[in-house]
Amino acid sequence: MTKILPLVLILMMALHIMKPLGWPGLKKRGDFWKIAAGAILAMFALVLLGHAGY
């Protein structure tokens, strides 16, 4: 699962560049970076929660 998630994110970013997904906040082609930023924030939160013992 940990190896598939980055591949899915890269595919979503590539698809969004070709044809915008139309989701809230992802209406323009230039918004593809928001997918990567969201993934980085999610990983950061998981690391913090993992080290906190939750």
N, C-alpha and C. Protein backbone atom coordinates (compact mmCIF):
# COMPACT_ATOMS: atom_id res chain seq x y z
N MET A 1 0.82 -1.20 0.00
CA MET A 1 0.00 0.00 0.00
C MET A 1 0.86 1.26 0.00
N THR A 2 1.97 1.23 0.75
CA THR A 2 2.82 2.42 0.82
C THR A 2 3.53 2.69 -0.50
N LYS A 3 3.68 1.66 -1.33
CA LYS A 3 4.32 1.86 -2.63
C LYS A 3 3.31 2.25 -3.71
N ILE A 4 2.06 1.91 -3.51
CA ILE A 4 1.03 2.22 -4.50
C ILE A 4 0.55 3.66 -4.35
N LEU A 5 0.50 4.17 -3.13
CA LEU A 5 -0.02 5.52 -2.89
C LEU A 5 0.75 6.59 -3.67
N PRO A 6 2.09 6.61 -3.65
CA PRO A 6 2.78 7.63 -4.47
C PRO A 6 2.49 7.49 -5.96
N LEU A 7 2.35 6.27 -6.44
CA LEU A 7 2.04 6.06 -7.85
C LEU A 7 0.65 6.62 -8.19
N VAL A 8 -0.31 6.39 -7.30
CA VAL A 8 -1.67 6.92 -7.51
C VAL A 8 -1.64 8.45 -7.51
N LEU A 9 -0.88 9.04 -6.59
CA LEU A 9 -0.79 10.50 -6.54
C LEU A 9 -0.16 11.07 -7.80
N ILE A 10 0.89 10.43 -8.30
CA ILE A 10 1.53 10.90 -9.53
C ILE A 10 0.58 10.77 -10.71
N LEU A 11 -0.18 9.67 -10.77
CA LEU A 11 -1.16 9.49 -11.84
C LEU A 11 -2.26 10.56 -11.76
N MET A 12 -2.71 10.87 -10.52
CA MET A 12 -3.73 11.92 -10.36
C MET A 12 -3.19 13.26 -10.83
N MET A 13 -1.93 13.57 -10.51
CA MET A 13 -1.34 14.83 -10.94
C MET A 13 -1.22 14.89 -12.45
N ALA A 14 -0.80 13.79 -13.07
CA ALA A 14 -0.67 13.76 -14.53
C ALA A 14 -2.04 13.90 -15.20
N LEU A 15 -3.04 13.20 -14.67
CA LEU A 15 -4.39 13.32 -15.22
C LEU A 15 -4.92 14.73 -15.09
N HIS A 16 -4.63 15.35 -13.95
CA HIS A 16 -5.12 16.71 -13.72
C HIS A 16 -4.49 17.71 -14.69
N ILE A 17 -3.23 17.47 -15.06
CA ILE A 17 -2.58 18.36 -16.03
C ILE A 17 -3.23 18.20 -17.40
N MET A 18 -3.57 16.95 -17.76
CA MET A 18 -4.19 16.72 -19.06
C MET A 18 -5.63 17.23 -19.10
N LYS A 19 -6.39 16.89 -18.08
CA LYS A 19 -7.80 17.30 -18.00
C LYS A 19 -8.12 17.56 -16.53
N PRO A 20 -8.37 18.81 -16.16
CA PRO A 20 -8.64 19.12 -14.75
C PRO A 20 -9.76 18.25 -14.17
N LEU A 21 -9.57 17.82 -12.93
CA LEU A 21 -10.50 16.92 -12.28
C LEU A 21 -11.84 17.57 -11.98
N GLY A 22 -11.85 18.89 -11.75
CA GLY A 22 -13.09 19.60 -11.50
C GLY A 22 -13.55 19.53 -10.05
N TRP A 23 -12.70 18.98 -9.17
CA TRP A 23 -13.04 18.94 -7.75
C TRP A 23 -12.87 20.33 -7.16
N PRO A 24 -13.53 20.61 -6.03
CA PRO A 24 -13.35 21.93 -5.40
C PRO A 24 -11.88 22.21 -5.12
N GLY A 25 -11.40 23.33 -5.61
CA GLY A 25 -10.00 23.70 -5.45
C GLY A 25 -9.10 23.16 -6.53
N LEU A 26 -9.62 22.32 -7.41
CA LEU A 26 -8.82 21.73 -8.50
C LEU A 26 -9.51 21.98 -9.84
N LYS A 27 -9.80 23.22 -10.13
CA LYS A 27 -10.54 23.55 -11.35
C LYS A 27 -9.61 23.88 -12.52
N LYS A 28 -8.38 24.37 -12.23
CA LYS A 28 -7.45 24.76 -13.30
C LYS A 28 -6.30 23.77 -13.39
N ARG A 29 -5.67 23.70 -14.54
CA ARG A 29 -4.53 22.80 -14.72
C ARG A 29 -3.37 23.14 -13.81
N GLY A 30 -3.20 24.42 -13.51
CA GLY A 30 -2.10 24.85 -12.66
C GLY A 30 -2.25 24.47 -11.21
N ASP A 31 -3.38 23.88 -10.84
CA ASP A 31 -3.63 23.50 -9.45
C ASP A 31 -3.12 22.09 -9.12
N PHE A 32 -2.37 21.47 -10.03
CA PHE A 32 -1.91 20.10 -9.79
C PHE A 32 -0.99 20.02 -8.58
N TRP A 33 -0.31 21.10 -8.24
CA TRP A 33 0.60 21.11 -7.09
C TRP A 33 -0.15 20.92 -5.79
N LYS A 34 -1.45 21.24 -5.76
CA LYS A 34 -2.23 21.10 -4.53
C LYS A 34 -2.37 19.63 -4.13
N ILE A 35 -2.36 18.73 -5.10
CA ILE A 35 -2.43 17.30 -4.81
C ILE A 35 -1.18 16.88 -4.05
N ALA A 36 -0.01 17.33 -4.52
CA ALA A 36 1.25 17.00 -3.86
C ALA A 36 1.33 17.65 -2.48
N ALA A 37 0.90 18.89 -2.37
CA ALA A 37 0.94 19.58 -1.07
C ALA A 37 0.04 18.88 -0.06
N GLY A 38 -1.12 18.45 -0.48
CA GLY A 38 -2.02 17.72 0.41
C GLY A 38 -1.42 16.40 0.86
N ALA A 39 -0.75 15.70 -0.05
CA ALA A 39 -0.13 14.43 0.31
C ALA A 39 1.01 14.64 1.30
N ILE A 40 1.80 15.69 1.11
CA ILE A 40 2.90 15.98 2.02
C ILE A 40 2.36 16.32 3.41
N LEU A 41 1.30 17.13 3.47
CA LEU A 41 0.71 17.47 4.77
C LEU A 41 0.13 16.23 5.46
N ALA A 42 -0.49 15.35 4.69
CA ALA A 42 -1.04 14.13 5.27
C ALA A 42 0.07 13.24 5.83
N MET A 43 1.17 13.10 5.11
CA MET A 43 2.30 12.30 5.59
C MET A 43 2.90 12.91 6.84
N PHE A 44 3.01 14.23 6.87
CA PHE A 44 3.54 14.93 8.03
C PHE A 44 2.66 14.67 9.26
N ALA A 45 1.35 14.73 9.08
CA ALA A 45 0.42 14.48 10.18
C ALA A 45 0.55 13.03 10.67
N LEU A 46 0.70 12.08 9.75
CA LEU A 46 0.84 10.68 10.15
C LEU A 46 2.13 10.44 10.92
N VAL A 47 3.20 11.10 10.51
CA VAL A 47 4.47 10.97 11.23
C VAL A 47 4.34 11.54 12.64
N LEU A 48 3.71 12.72 12.74
CA LEU A 48 3.54 13.31 14.06
C LEU A 48 2.68 12.43 14.97
N LEU A 49 1.60 11.90 14.43
CA LEU A 49 0.74 11.03 15.23
C LEU A 49 1.44 9.72 15.60
N GLY A 50 2.26 9.23 14.70
CA GLY A 50 2.98 7.98 14.97
C GLY A 50 4.01 8.15 16.08
N HIS A 51 4.67 9.30 16.11
CA HIS A 51 5.68 9.54 17.15
C HIS A 51 5.04 9.95 18.47
N ALA A 52 3.80 10.42 18.43
CA ALA A 52 3.12 10.81 19.65
C ALA A 52 2.53 9.59 20.37
N GLY A 53 2.47 8.47 19.68
CA GLY A 53 1.98 7.24 20.30
C GLY A 53 0.51 6.95 20.08
N TYR A 54 -0.12 7.64 19.17
CA TYR A 54 -1.54 7.40 18.90
C TYR A 54 -1.74 6.27 17.95
